[in-house]
């Protein structure tokens, strides 16, 4: 099959490109008989960053300082001096061009003309991008894409009232239960412990409320402690109940703050969202239910 030798030559040339990029291929040459089999090399590329292979802003000319551009020029010159190297800008995705060339067997019909495609991306360690055996060799490891955007002017504008207002049922429940447990605790312990829970109801009621609140929030402050057995049982139950109530209040407060942060752009259904025009990004969005427009 004519395709196999061509693929081997392509992989060899790509390997030399990688070596040249690292500065170790200046003395490596392909045998002359192999160079005679290849008349020219063409790089079909889509507009990419000028740092690698792209055009300038003012002139529609390829930037000769690009890393990939210089590596390919140097590799071809080191391997087969004098061989023609052409760069062709295409306005379609590299994926569609490769698939079309595979479909029409372009590279088989013209074996003396090597074609490279740039840029093409794949996951780490993957050497097969298409179902057809088109060689893929990593030129550079990408750290991934980043989105550059204007700094958002949205800040967290939330006050204590904004938190307490939606949480008032839990807050009212905590205060009411603290008041009730304080009165019950005073009733169970004021005879055996009049020093900490005075006998007069009004004074004892407030002392009991203080004890209930402190016990709930700090699991026992230490300035008041029940002495009778039944009051201590009540204290244990109240500590457990207080932990649950405070957890509910904390969770509700957290949800309110979180909702206030994502409230502005929380819904993307029906909105137009821009993504990088590459199959990895398009496939990811399609899997999330997006529609291409």
Foldseek 3Di string as FASTA:
>chain_A
DQVVVLLVVVVVLVVLLLCVLVPRNLQPEDPPVVLVLAQAEEEEEEADDLQAWHADDPDRDINCNHSPNVSNVSSCCSHPNPHYYYYHYDHDDLVVVVVVCVVVVVCSVRVNYHYHYPDDDDDPPDQDDDPDPRGDDDNDDDPDDDDDDDDDPDDQDDDPCLLCVVVVVLVVVLLVVLLVLLLVLLVVACVVCCPQQPPDNVRNSVSSSVQLVCCLPVVGPDPDDGDDPVSVVSSVVSNVVSVVSVVVSVVSSVVSSVCSVCVVPVDPVPHDDDDPPDPVTVVVVVVVVDDDD
